[in-house]
Amino acid sequence: MRSLLFIFLLILAGCSSTPDTKEQTTTEQEQKTEQEKPNTPTAIVATPENNDPNAGRYRLENDKAPDQALILNHIEAAQPRYESKSLAGNKDYTLRGKRYKIENIENGFTEQGNASWYGEKFHGHKTSNGEIYDMYSMTAAHKTLPLPSYVKVTNTNNGQSTIVRVNDRGPFHDGRIIDLSMAAASKLGVIKTGTAPVKIELIKVAKPDSADEWQSANPNYYFVQLAAVTNEEKAKAVATELEKTFSTSVDLKKSESAQVYRIRLGPYIDRDEALKLREKARAGQYPQAFIITTQRELEQK
């Protein structure tokens, strides 16, 4: 009897030590399935660990050219013209612990270093001066040049050169001095190489002598809007009084959608001049005075 009990206990112990075949098979299957999953890029979400202010902002995690090959040689170089500094993107700033001071370009500006380019990831997003990045336009990013600026860029490897309009900040990589749009990079033969040694030279454009000359050459000029009235005669009377008060020209702009006359000081070539008059108006009878540009008007149509 004791022998039978001993044999029974041995059999029971053997059963308990046998591996669970079903559980093992399931685990192996899960591991295999996990390995077969495609390595799909996912958006990075800003967390205290990565502390990236742009995390999750872009549809693509990594930058690239469009999937379909495009011919961009027909795109013309930027045409330099006088432009006032943009309202955004022209203050000294600090990034990743480094201080960047906007250049004083009165005596010109040249620089040599490496150029890179940026494409589809940033296409359609805002640039540092508030415009929209278009990878098919002849634009570029620079860390410290005033926005906007015009520069001639020469690829010192192949001698090719073009003119771009700087309207963004970057590139923030050691040794790189300018980030070209995809169109500009194509002109300079930088698409395939990714980077190339370049020389950049600022192109200075003389300020127009008069507002009339400015309007014919540059569609983006400044007004200071003070009021809006529905009566045309009253609008004209207010405009006449404002010309005396501010010693400046006054523009009446009739709204296309309603019987409203916008009363505005201007136009002005320089943003700084418009800012001074806006502050003068706010300190007087027009605390609601604000600046409007022709570019903004076109965007609102």
C-alpha atoms as a PDB file:
ATOM      1  CA  MET A   1       0.000   0.000   0.000  1.00  0.00           C
ATOM      2  CA  ARG A   2       2.817   2.372   0.852  1.00  0.00           C
ATOM      3  CA  SER A   3       4.491   1.444  -2.439  1.00  0.00           C
ATOM      4  CA  LEU A   4       1.360   2.345  -4.405  1.00  0.00           C
ATOM      5  CA  LEU A   5       1.085   5.691  -2.611  1.00  0.00           C
ATOM      6  CA  PHE A   6       4.742   6.476  -3.387  1.00  0.00           C
ATOM      7  CA  ILE A   7       4.260   5.690  -7.103  1.00  0.00           C
ATOM      8  CA  PHE A   8       1.137   7.907  -7.230  1.00  0.00           C
ATOM      9  CA  LEU A   9       3.033  10.860  -5.729  1.00  0.00           C
ATOM     10  CA  LEU A  10       5.831  10.449  -8.309  1.00  0.00           C
ATOM     11  CA  ILE A  11       3.308  10.576 -11.163  1.00  0.00           C
ATOM     12  CA  LEU A  12       1.647  13.697  -9.719  1.00  0.00           C
ATOM     13  CA  ALA A  13       5.005  15.511  -9.390  1.00  0.00           C
ATOM     14  CA  GLY A  14       5.860  14.688 -12.993  1.00  0.00           C
ATOM     15  CA  CYS A  15       2.619  16.205 -14.236  1.00  0.00           C
ATOM     16  CA  SER A  16       3.156  19.468 -12.341  1.00  0.00           C
ATOM     17  CA  SER A  17       6.635  19.935 -13.846  1.00  0.00           C
ATOM     18  CA  THR A  18       5.461  19.510 -17.447  1.00  0.00           C
ATOM     19  CA  PRO A  19       5.499  22.894 -19.322  1.00  0.00           C
ATOM     20  CA  ASP A  20       2.162  24.439 -20.331  1.00  0.00           C
ATOM     21  CA  THR A  21       2.348  23.890 -24.090  1.00  0.00           C
ATOM     22  CA  LYS A  22      -0.609  26.200 -24.848  1.00  0.00           C
ATOM     23  CA  GLU A  23       0.829  29.101 -22.849  1.00  0.00           C
ATOM     24  CA  GLN A  24       4.256  28.718 -24.475  1.00  0.00           C
ATOM     25  CA  THR A  25       2.769  28.559 -27.967  1.00  0.00           C
ATOM     26  CA  THR A  26       0.721  31.720 -27.319  1.00  0.00           C
ATOM     27  CA  THR A  27       3.780  33.628 -26.089  1.00  0.00           C
ATOM     28  CA  GLU A  28       5.842  32.601 -29.124  1.00  0.00           C
ATOM     29  CA  GLN A  29       2.988  33.629 -31.438  1.00  0.00           C
ATOM     30  CA  GLU A  30       2.721  37.074 -29.768  1.00  0.00           C
ATOM     31  CA  GLN A  31       6.466  37.629 -30.138  1.00  0.00           C
ATOM     32  CA  LYS A  32       6.328  36.609 -33.804  1.00  0.00           C
ATOM     33  CA  THR A  33       3.395  38.942 -34.458  1.00  0.00           C
ATOM     34  CA  GLU A  34       5.204  41.819 -32.722  1.00  0.00           C
ATOM     35  CA  GLN A  35       8.301  41.255 -34.887  1.00  0.00           C
ATOM     36  CA  GLU A  36       6.210  41.237 -38.068  1.00  0.00           C
ATOM     37  CA  LYS A  37       4.630  44.642 -37.350  1.00  0.00           C
ATOM     38  CA  PRO A  38       5.764  47.322 -39.866  1.00  0.00           C
ATOM     39  CA  ASN A  39       8.075  49.993 -38.527  1.00  0.00           C
ATOM     40  CA  THR A  40       5.617  52.852 -39.060  1.00  0.00           C
ATOM     41  CA  PRO A  41       6.844  56.376 -38.123  1.00  0.00           C
ATOM     42  CA  THR A  42       4.755  57.960 -35.406  1.00  0.00           C
ATOM     43  CA  ALA A  43       4.408  61.562 -34.357  1.00  0.00           C
ATOM     44  CA  ILE A  44       6.559  62.633 -31.428  1.00  0.00           C
ATOM     45  CA  VAL A  45       4.537  64.071 -28.573  1.00  0.00           C
ATOM     46  CA  ALA A  46       6.110  66.749 -26.392  1.00  0.00           C
ATOM     47  CA  THR A  47       6.870  65.416 -22.915  1.00  0.00           C
ATOM     48  CA  PRO A  48       9.040  66.644 -20.049  1.00  0.00           C
ATOM     49  CA  GLU A  49      11.634  64.122 -21.267  1.00  0.00           C
ATOM     50  CA  ASN A  50      12.066  65.434 -24.841  1.00  0.00           C
ATOM     51  CA  ASN A  51      10.865  69.015 -24.131  1.00  0.00           C
ATOM     52  CA  ASP A  52      10.426  69.699 -27.846  1.00  0.00           C
ATOM     53  CA  PRO A  53       8.153  72.726 -28.494  1.00  0.00           C
ATOM     54  CA  ASN A  54       7.528  71.557 -32.077  1.00  0.00           C
ATOM     55  CA  ALA A  55       6.670  67.973 -31.138  1.00  0.00           C
ATOM     56  CA  GLY A  56       3.429  66.896 -32.798  1.00  0.00           C
ATOM     57  CA  ARG A  57       3.328  70.047 -34.942  1.00  0.00           C
ATOM     58  CA  TYR A  58       4.253  68.369 -38.226  1.00  0.00           C
ATOM     59  CA  ARG A  59       2.508  65.577 -40.103  1.00  0.00           C
ATOM     60  CA  LEU A  60       5.870  63.991 -40.955  1.00  0.00           C
ATOM     61  CA  GLU A  61       8.452  63.027 -38.366  1.00  0.00           C
ATOM     62  CA  ASN A  62      11.359  63.243 -40.836  1.00  0.00           C
ATOM     63  CA  ASP A  63      11.798  65.715 -43.683  1.00  0.00           C
ATOM     64  CA  LYS A  64      11.881  64.553 -47.288  1.00  0.00           C
ATOM     65  CA  ALA A  65      11.325  65.530 -50.900  1.00  0.00           C
ATOM     66  CA  PRO A  66       7.967  64.716 -52.536  1.00  0.00           C
ATOM     67  CA  ASP A  67       7.537  61.063 -53.539  1.00  0.00           C
ATOM     68  CA  GLN A  68       7.110  62.047 -57.184  1.00  0.00           C
ATOM     69  CA  ALA A  69      10.210  63.477 -58.876  1.00  0.00           C
ATOM     70  CA  LEU A  70       9.654  67.078 -59.963  1.00  0.00           C
ATOM     71  CA  ILE A  71      11.426  69.368 -62.421  1.00  0.00           C
ATOM     72  CA  LEU A  72      12.043  72.709 -60.723  1.00  0.00           C
ATOM     73  CA  ASN A  73      14.426  74.400 -63.170  1.00  0.00           C
ATOM     74  CA  HIS A  74      11.639  76.611 -64.523  1.00  0.00           C
ATOM     75  CA  ILE A  75      11.232  78.398 -61.167  1.00  0.00           C
ATOM     76  CA  GLU A  76      12.834  81.836 -61.338  1.00  0.00           C
ATOM     77  CA  ALA A  77      15.186  83.272 -58.744  1.00  0.00           C
ATOM     78  CA  ALA A  78      13.728  85.677 -56.193  1.00  0.00           C
ATOM     79  CA  GLN A  79      13.444  89.265 -57.451  1.00  0.00           C
ATOM     80  CA  PRO A  80      14.983  91.645 -54.873  1.00  0.00           C
ATOM     81  CA  ARG A  81      12.851  94.644 -53.916  1.00  0.00           C
ATOM     82  CA  TYR A  82      12.775  96.976 -50.957  1.00  0.00           C
ATOM     83  CA  GLU A  83      10.769  95.587 -48.047  1.00  0.00           C
ATOM     84  CA  SER A  84      10.380  96.786 -44.490  1.00  0.00           C
ATOM     85  CA  LYS A  85      11.192  94.385 -41.695  1.00  0.00           C
ATOM     86  CA  SER A  86       8.336  92.032 -40.917  1.00  0.00           C
ATOM     87  CA  LEU A  87       6.390  92.459 -37.691  1.00  0.00           C
ATOM     88  CA  ALA A  88       7.428  88.990 -36.528  1.00  0.00           C
ATOM     89  CA  GLY A  89      10.796  87.265 -36.381  1.00  0.00           C
ATOM     90  CA  ASN A  90      13.129  90.241 -36.007  1.00  0.00           C
ATOM     91  CA  LYS A  91      13.924  90.250 -32.293  1.00  0.00           C
ATOM     92  CA  ASP A  92      17.060  88.798 -30.725  1.00  0.00           C
ATOM     93  CA  TYR A  93      16.305  85.351 -29.332  1.00  0.00           C
ATOM     94  CA  THR A  94      17.716  82.442 -27.335  1.00  0.00           C
ATOM     95  CA  LEU A  95      17.429  78.829 -28.452  1.00  0.00           C
ATOM     96  CA  ARG A  96      18.863  75.789 -26.677  1.00  0.00           C
ATOM     97  CA  GLY A  97      20.875  78.026 -24.426  1.00  0.00           C
ATOM     98  CA  LYS A  98      22.475  79.999 -27.277  1.00  0.00           C
ATOM     99  CA  ARG A  99      21.821  83.709 -27.871  1.00  0.00           C
ATOM    100  CA  TYR A 100      21.219  84.957 -31.430  1.00  0.00           C
ATOM    101  CA  LYS A 101      21.455  88.670 -32.269  1.00  0.00           C
ATOM    102  CA  ILE A 102      19.862  90.033 -35.450  1.00  0.00           C
ATOM    103  CA  GLU A 103      22.488  91.386 -37.857  1.00  0.00           C
ATOM    104  CA  ASN A 104      23.030  95.071 -38.559  1.00  0.00           C
ATOM    105  CA  ILE A 105      23.334  94.997 -42.343  1.00  0.00           C
ATOM    106  CA  GLU A 106      24.143  98.657 -42.991  1.00  0.00           C
ATOM    107  CA  ASN A 107      27.640  97.696 -44.154  1.00  0.00           C
ATOM    108  CA  GLY A 108      26.583  94.609 -46.074  1.00  0.00           C
ATOM    109  CA  PHE A 109      26.890  90.959 -45.113  1.00  0.00           C
ATOM    110  CA  THR A 110      28.729  87.906 -46.450  1.00  0.00           C
ATOM    111  CA  GLU A 111      29.186  84.459 -44.940  1.00  0.00           C
ATOM    112  CA  GLN A 112      30.623  81.090 -45.900  1.00  0.00           C
ATOM    113  CA  GLY A 113      29.666  77.675 -44.586  1.00  0.00           C
ATOM    114  CA  ASN A 114      27.382  74.768 -45.405  1.00  0.00           C
ATOM    115  CA  ALA A 115      23.879  74.975 -46.824  1.00  0.00           C
ATOM    116  CA  SER A 116      21.152  72.416 -46.219  1.00  0.00           C
ATOM    117  CA  TRP A 117      17.560  72.315 -47.421  1.00  0.00           C
ATOM    118  CA  TYR A 118      14.086  71.635 -46.058  1.00  0.00           C
ATOM    119  CA  GLY A 119      11.067  70.279 -47.854  1.00  0.00           C
ATOM    120  CA  GLU A 120       7.766  68.461 -47.438  1.00  0.00           C
ATOM    121  CA  LYS A 121       7.757  68.210 -43.628  1.00  0.00           C
ATOM    122  CA  PHE A 122       7.563  72.000 -43.303  1.00  0.00           C
ATOM    123  CA  HIS A 123       5.563  72.736 -46.474  1.00  0.00           C
ATOM    124  CA  GLY A 124       2.419  74.712 -45.617  1.00  0.00           C
ATOM    125  CA  HIS A 125       3.544  75.627 -42.095  1.00  0.00           C
ATOM    126  CA  LYS A 126       4.284  79.135 -40.848  1.00  0.00           C
ATOM    127  CA  THR A 127       7.753  80.621 -41.188  1.00  0.00           C
ATOM    128  CA  SER A 128       9.356  82.742 -38.473  1.00  0.00           C
ATOM    129  CA  ASN A 129       8.016  85.979 -39.962  1.00  0.00           C
ATOM    130  CA  GLY A 130       4.451  84.660 -40.163  1.00  0.00           C
ATOM    131  CA  GLU A 131       4.358  83.722 -43.842  1.00  0.00           C
ATOM    132  CA  ILE A 132       3.604  80.225 -45.128  1.00  0.00           C
ATOM    133  CA  TYR A 133       6.532  78.053 -46.178  1.00  0.00           C
ATOM    134  CA  ASP A 134       6.320  76.970 -49.812  1.00  0.00           C
ATOM    135  CA  MET A 135       9.007  74.487 -50.828  1.00  0.00           C
ATOM    136  CA  TYR A 136       8.478  75.496 -54.481  1.00  0.00           C
ATOM    137  CA  SER A 137       9.366  79.173 -53.823  1.00  0.00           C
ATOM    138  CA  MET A 138      12.875  80.612 -53.843  1.00  0.00           C
ATOM    139  CA  THR A 139      13.195  81.203 -50.115  1.00  0.00           C
ATOM    140  CA  ALA A 140      15.564  80.316 -47.295  1.00  0.00           C
ATOM    141  CA  ALA A 141      16.105  80.350 -43.543  1.00  0.00           C
ATOM    142  CA  HIS A 142      18.972  82.118 -41.757  1.00  0.00           C
ATOM    143  CA  LYS A 143      19.670  82.420 -38.052  1.00  0.00           C
ATOM    144  CA  THR A 144      20.349  86.171 -37.808  1.00  0.00           C
ATOM    145  CA  LEU A 145      19.615  88.093 -41.026  1.00  0.00           C
ATOM    146  CA  PRO A 146      16.673  90.531 -40.855  1.00  0.00           C
ATOM    147  CA  LEU A 147      13.405  89.143 -42.199  1.00  0.00           C
ATOM    148  CA  PRO A 148      12.894  89.477 -45.053  1.00  0.00           C
ATOM    149  CA  SER A 149      16.304  89.777 -46.740  1.00  0.00           C
ATOM    150  CA  TYR A 150      17.601  88.887 -50.181  1.00  0.00           C
ATOM    151  CA  VAL A 151      20.865  87.000 -50.613  1.00  0.00           C
ATOM    152  CA  LYS A 152      22.848  85.560 -53.473  1.00  0.00           C
ATOM    153  CA  VAL A 153      23.839  81.976 -52.695  1.00  0.00           C
ATOM    154  CA  THR A 154      26.721  80.315 -54.560  1.00  0.00           C
ATOM    155  CA  ASN A 155      27.517  76.607 -54.356  1.00  0.00           C
ATOM    156  CA  THR A 156      31.315  76.705 -54.194  1.00  0.00           C
ATOM    157  CA  ASN A 157      31.544  73.056 -55.295  1.00  0.00           C
ATOM    158  CA  ASN A 158      29.925  73.552 -58.704  1.00  0.00           C
ATOM    159  CA  GLY A 159      29.820  77.350 -59.136  1.00  0.00           C
ATOM    160  CA  GLN A 160      26.024  77.488 -59.487  1.00  0.00           C
ATOM    161  CA  SER A 161      24.314  80.495 -57.884  1.00  0.00           C
ATOM    162  CA  THR A 162      20.833  81.884 -57.348  1.00  0.00           C
ATOM    163  CA  ILE A 163      18.974  84.543 -55.346  1.00  0.00           C
ATOM    164  CA  VAL A 164      16.657  83.671 -52.470  1.00  0.00           C
ATOM    165  CA  ARG A 165      14.417  85.612 -50.113  1.00  0.00           C
ATOM    166  CA  VAL A 166      15.126  84.891 -46.439  1.00  0.00           C
ATOM    167  CA  ASN A 167      11.864  84.648 -44.474  1.00  0.00           C
ATOM    168  CA  ASP A 168      12.582  82.011 -41.814  1.00  0.00           C
ATOM    169  CA  ARG A 169      14.982  81.106 -38.982  1.00  0.00           C
ATOM    170  CA  GLY A 170      17.467  78.210 -39.049  1.00  0.00           C
ATOM    171  CA  PRO A 171      19.299  75.933 -39.603  1.00  0.00           C
ATOM    172  CA  PHE A 172      20.257  75.192 -35.998  1.00  0.00           C
ATOM    173  CA  HIS A 173      23.060  72.752 -36.752  1.00  0.00           C
ATOM    174  CA  ASP A 174      26.767  73.443 -36.289  1.00  0.00           C
ATOM    175  CA  GLY A 175      28.495  74.463 -39.511  1.00  0.00           C
ATOM    176  CA  ARG A 176      25.296  75.165 -41.443  1.00  0.00           C
ATOM    177  CA  ILE A 177      24.583  78.791 -42.272  1.00  0.00           C
ATOM    178  CA  ILE A 178      21.487  78.655 -44.474  1.00  0.00           C
ATOM    179  CA  ASP A 179      18.517  76.336 -45.024  1.00  0.00           C
ATOM    180  CA  LEU A 180      17.308  76.457 -48.629  1.00  0.00           C
ATOM    181  CA  SER A 181      13.823  75.740 -49.901  1.00  0.00           C
ATOM    182  CA  MET A 182      13.615  72.629 -52.053  1.00  0.00           C
ATOM    183  CA  ALA A 183      13.347  74.777 -55.192  1.00  0.00           C
ATOM    184  CA  ALA A 184      16.471  76.774 -54.290  1.00  0.00           C
ATOM    185  CA  ALA A 185      18.359  73.605 -53.373  1.00  0.00           C
ATOM    186  CA  SER A 186      17.468  72.152 -56.769  1.00  0.00           C
ATOM    187  CA  LYS A 187      18.856  75.242 -58.519  1.00  0.00           C
ATOM    188  CA  LEU A 188      22.151  74.858 -56.653  1.00  0.00           C
ATOM    189  CA  GLY A 189      22.492  71.094 -56.999  1.00  0.00           C
ATOM    190  CA  VAL A 190      22.065  70.388 -53.287  1.00  0.00           C
ATOM    191  CA  ILE A 191      19.067  68.015 -53.355  1.00  0.00           C
ATOM    192  CA  LYS A 192      21.024  64.767 -53.739  1.00  0.00           C
ATOM    193  CA  THR A 193      23.977  65.720 -51.555  1.00  0.00           C
ATOM    194  CA  GLY A 194      21.787  67.134 -48.774  1.00  0.00           C
ATOM    195  CA  THR A 195      24.367  69.772 -47.873  1.00  0.00           C
ATOM    196  CA  ALA A 196      26.966  71.758 -49.798  1.00  0.00           C
ATOM    197  CA  PRO A 197      29.553  74.477 -49.095  1.00  0.00           C
ATOM    198  CA  VAL A 198      28.207  77.886 -50.089  1.00  0.00           C
ATOM    199  CA  LYS A 199      28.919  81.579 -49.980  1.00  0.00           C
ATOM    200  CA  ILE A 200      26.054  83.958 -49.256  1.00  0.00           C
ATOM    201  CA  GLU A 201      26.079  87.675 -50.103  1.00  0.00           C
ATOM    202  CA  LEU A 202      23.425  90.142 -48.981  1.00  0.00           C
ATOM    203  CA  ILE A 203      21.676  92.093 -51.745  1.00  0.00           C
ATOM    204  CA  LYS A 204      20.751  95.591 -50.576  1.00  0.00           C
ATOM    205  CA  VAL A 205      17.847  97.362 -52.264  1.00  0.00           C
ATOM    206  CA  ALA A 206      17.527 101.146 -52.049  1.00  0.00           C
ATOM    207  CA  LYS A 207      14.478 102.571 -50.327  1.00  0.00           C
ATOM    208  CA  PRO A 208      12.013 104.190 -52.797  1.00  0.00           C
ATOM    209  CA  ASP A 209      11.938 107.990 -52.727  1.00  0.00           C
ATOM    210  CA  SER A 210       8.152 108.302 -52.461  1.00  0.00           C
ATOM    211  CA  ALA A 211       5.073 106.392 -51.407  1.00  0.00           C
ATOM    212  CA  ASP A 212       3.831 106.389 -55.014  1.00  0.00           C
ATOM    213  CA  GLU A 213       7.051 104.762 -56.198  1.00  0.00           C
ATOM    214  CA  TRP A 214       6.788 102.306 -53.313  1.00  0.00           C
ATOM    215  CA  GLN A 215       3.222 101.310 -54.186  1.00  0.00           C
ATOM    216  CA  SER A 216       4.114 100.620 -57.798  1.00  0.00           C
ATOM    217  CA  ALA A 217       7.133  98.498 -56.839  1.00  0.00           C
ATOM    218  CA  ASN A 218       5.956  96.802 -53.663  1.00  0.00           C
ATOM    219  CA  PRO A 219       2.407  95.646 -52.893  1.00  0.00           C
ATOM    220  CA  ASN A 220       3.019  95.405 -49.139  1.00  0.00           C
ATOM    221  CA  TYR A 221       2.847  98.779 -47.397  1.00  0.00           C
ATOM    222  CA  TYR A 222       1.379  99.989 -44.115  1.00  0.00           C
ATOM    223  CA  PHE A 223      -1.717 101.886 -42.965  1.00  0.00           C
ATOM    224  CA  VAL A 224      -2.887 102.911 -39.497  1.00  0.00           C
ATOM    225  CA  GLN A 225      -6.632 102.353 -39.296  1.00  0.00           C
ATOM    226  CA  LEU A 226      -8.397 104.732 -36.906  1.00  0.00           C
ATOM    227  CA  ALA A 227     -12.121 104.324 -37.517  1.00  0.00           C
ATOM    228  CA  ALA A 228     -14.855 102.987 -39.779  1.00  0.00           C
ATOM    229  CA  VAL A 229     -18.072 104.875 -40.596  1.00  0.00           C
ATOM    230  CA  THR A 230     -21.070 104.187 -42.815  1.00  0.00           C
ATOM    231  CA  ASN A 231     -21.669 107.758 -44.034  1.00  0.00           C
ATOM    232  CA  GLU A 232     -19.443 108.798 -46.931  1.00  0.00           C
ATOM    233  CA  GLU A 233     -19.684 112.557 -46.259  1.00  0.00           C
ATOM    234  CA  LYS A 234     -18.815 112.080 -42.600  1.00  0.00           C
ATOM    235  CA  ALA A 235     -15.875 109.873 -43.577  1.00  0.00           C
ATOM    236  CA  LYS A 236     -14.514 112.593 -45.878  1.00  0.00           C
ATOM    237  CA  ALA A 237     -14.917 115.251 -43.180  1.00  0.00           C
ATOM    238  CA  VAL A 238     -13.081 113.119 -40.611  1.00  0.00           C
ATOM    239  CA  ALA A 239     -10.314 112.409 -43.132  1.00  0.00           C
ATOM    240  CA  THR A 240      -9.799 116.131 -43.770  1.00  0.00           C
ATOM    241  CA  GLU A 241      -9.535 116.799 -40.031  1.00  0.00           C
ATOM    242  CA  LEU A 242      -7.081 113.935 -39.544  1.00  0.00           C
ATOM    243  CA  GLU A 243      -4.788 115.239 -42.286  1.00  0.00           C
ATOM    244  CA  LYS A 244      -4.392 118.447 -40.257  1.00  0.00           C
ATOM    245  CA  THR A 245      -4.038 116.688 -36.894  1.00  0.00           C
ATOM    246  CA  PHE A 246      -1.412 114.159 -37.974  1.00  0.00           C
ATOM    247  CA  SER A 247       0.196 116.093 -40.862  1.00  0.00           C
ATOM    248  CA  THR A 248       0.015 113.041 -43.068  1.00  0.00           C
ATOM    249  CA  SER A 249      -1.989 111.580 -45.917  1.00  0.00           C
ATOM    250  CA  VAL A 250      -5.285 109.864 -45.107  1.00  0.00           C
ATOM    251  CA  ASP A 251      -6.774 106.994 -47.089  1.00  0.00           C
ATOM    252  CA  LEU A 252     -10.476 106.136 -47.323  1.00  0.00           C
ATOM    253  CA  LYS A 253     -11.042 102.457 -48.056  1.00  0.00           C
ATOM    254  CA  LYS A 254     -14.585 101.391 -48.942  1.00  0.00           C
ATOM    255  CA  SER A 255     -15.452  97.867 -47.875  1.00  0.00           C
ATOM    256  CA  GLU A 256     -16.398  95.526 -50.707  1.00  0.00           C
ATOM    257  CA  SER A 257     -18.941  93.657 -48.605  1.00  0.00           C
ATOM    258  CA  ALA A 258     -20.749  96.531 -46.866  1.00  0.00           C
ATOM    259  CA  GLN A 259     -21.347 100.286 -46.933  1.00  0.00           C
ATOM    260  CA  VAL A 260     -18.421 100.991 -44.614  1.00  0.00           C
ATOM    261  CA  TYR A 261     -15.584 103.478 -45.089  1.00  0.00           C
ATOM    262  CA  ARG A 262     -12.348 102.667 -43.294  1.00  0.00           C
ATOM    263  CA  ILE A 263     -10.381 105.774 -42.314  1.00  0.00           C
ATOM    264  CA  ARG A 264      -6.639 105.117 -42.374  1.00  0.00           C
ATOM    265  CA  LEU A 265      -3.420 107.074 -42.105  1.00  0.00           C
ATOM    266  CA  GLY A 266      -0.946 106.239 -44.828  1.00  0.00           C
ATOM    267  CA  PRO A 267       0.344 104.537 -46.837  1.00  0.00           C
ATOM    268  CA  TYR A 268       3.807 104.213 -45.280  1.00  0.00           C
ATOM    269  CA  ILE A 269       6.897 102.563 -46.604  1.00  0.00           C
ATOM    270  CA  ASP A 270       8.391 101.802 -43.202  1.00  0.00           C
ATOM    271  CA  ARG A 271       6.725  99.800 -40.476  1.00  0.00           C
ATOM    272  CA  ASP A 272       8.492 101.935 -37.851  1.00  0.00           C
ATOM    273  CA  GLU A 273       6.839 105.090 -39.183  1.00  0.00           C
ATOM    274  CA  ALA A 274       3.441 103.408 -39.031  1.00  0.00           C
ATOM    275  CA  LEU A 275       4.112 102.231 -35.474  1.00  0.00           C
ATOM    276  CA  LYS A 276       4.938 105.764 -34.319  1.00  0.00           C
ATOM    277  CA  LEU A 277       1.700 107.148 -35.746  1.00  0.00           C
ATOM    278  CA  ARG A 278      -0.297 104.297 -34.269  1.00  0.00           C
ATOM    279  CA  GLU A 279       1.057 105.095 -30.800  1.00  0.00           C
ATOM    280  CA  LYS A 280       0.313 108.795 -31.310  1.00  0.00           C
ATOM    281  CA  ALA A 281      -3.267 107.955 -32.307  1.00  0.00           C
ATOM    282  CA  ARG A 282      -3.733 105.611 -29.342  1.00  0.00           C
ATOM    283  CA  ALA A 283      -2.505 108.281 -26.956  1.00  0.00           C
ATOM    284  CA  GLY A 284      -5.151 110.649 -28.336  1.00  0.00           C
ATOM    285  CA  GLN A 285      -8.727 110.016 -29.413  1.00  0.00           C
ATOM    286  CA  TYR A 286      -8.159 106.653 -31.128  1.00  0.00           C
ATOM    287  CA  PRO A 287      -7.093 104.032 -28.534  1.00  0.00           C
ATOM    288  CA  GLN A 288      -8.323 101.299 -30.867  1.00  0.00           C
ATOM    289  CA  ALA A 289      -5.925 102.269 -33.720  1.00  0.00           C
ATOM    290  CA  PHE A 290      -4.176  99.341 -35.398  1.00  0.00           C
ATOM    291  CA  ILE A 291      -1.853  98.615 -38.317  1.00  0.00           C
ATOM    292  CA  ILE A 292      -3.026  96.911 -41.492  1.00  0.00           C
ATOM    293  CA  THR A 293      -0.885  95.942 -44.501  1.00  0.00           C
ATOM    294  CA  THR A 294      -1.901  95.467 -48.109  1.00  0.00           C
ATOM    295  CA  GLN A 295      -0.583  91.922 -47.927  1.00  0.00           C
ATOM    296  CA  ARG A 296      -2.955  91.197 -45.047  1.00  0.00           C
ATOM    297  CA  GLU A 297      -5.834  92.729 -47.019  1.00  0.00           C
ATOM    298  CA  LEU A 298      -5.112  90.439 -49.951  1.00  0.00           C
ATOM    299  CA  GLU A 299      -5.029  87.403 -47.647  1.00  0.00           C
ATOM    300  CA  GLN A 300      -8.452  88.321 -46.248  1.00  0.00           C
ATOM    301  CA  LYS A 301     -10.141  88.528 -49.651  1.00  0.00           C
END
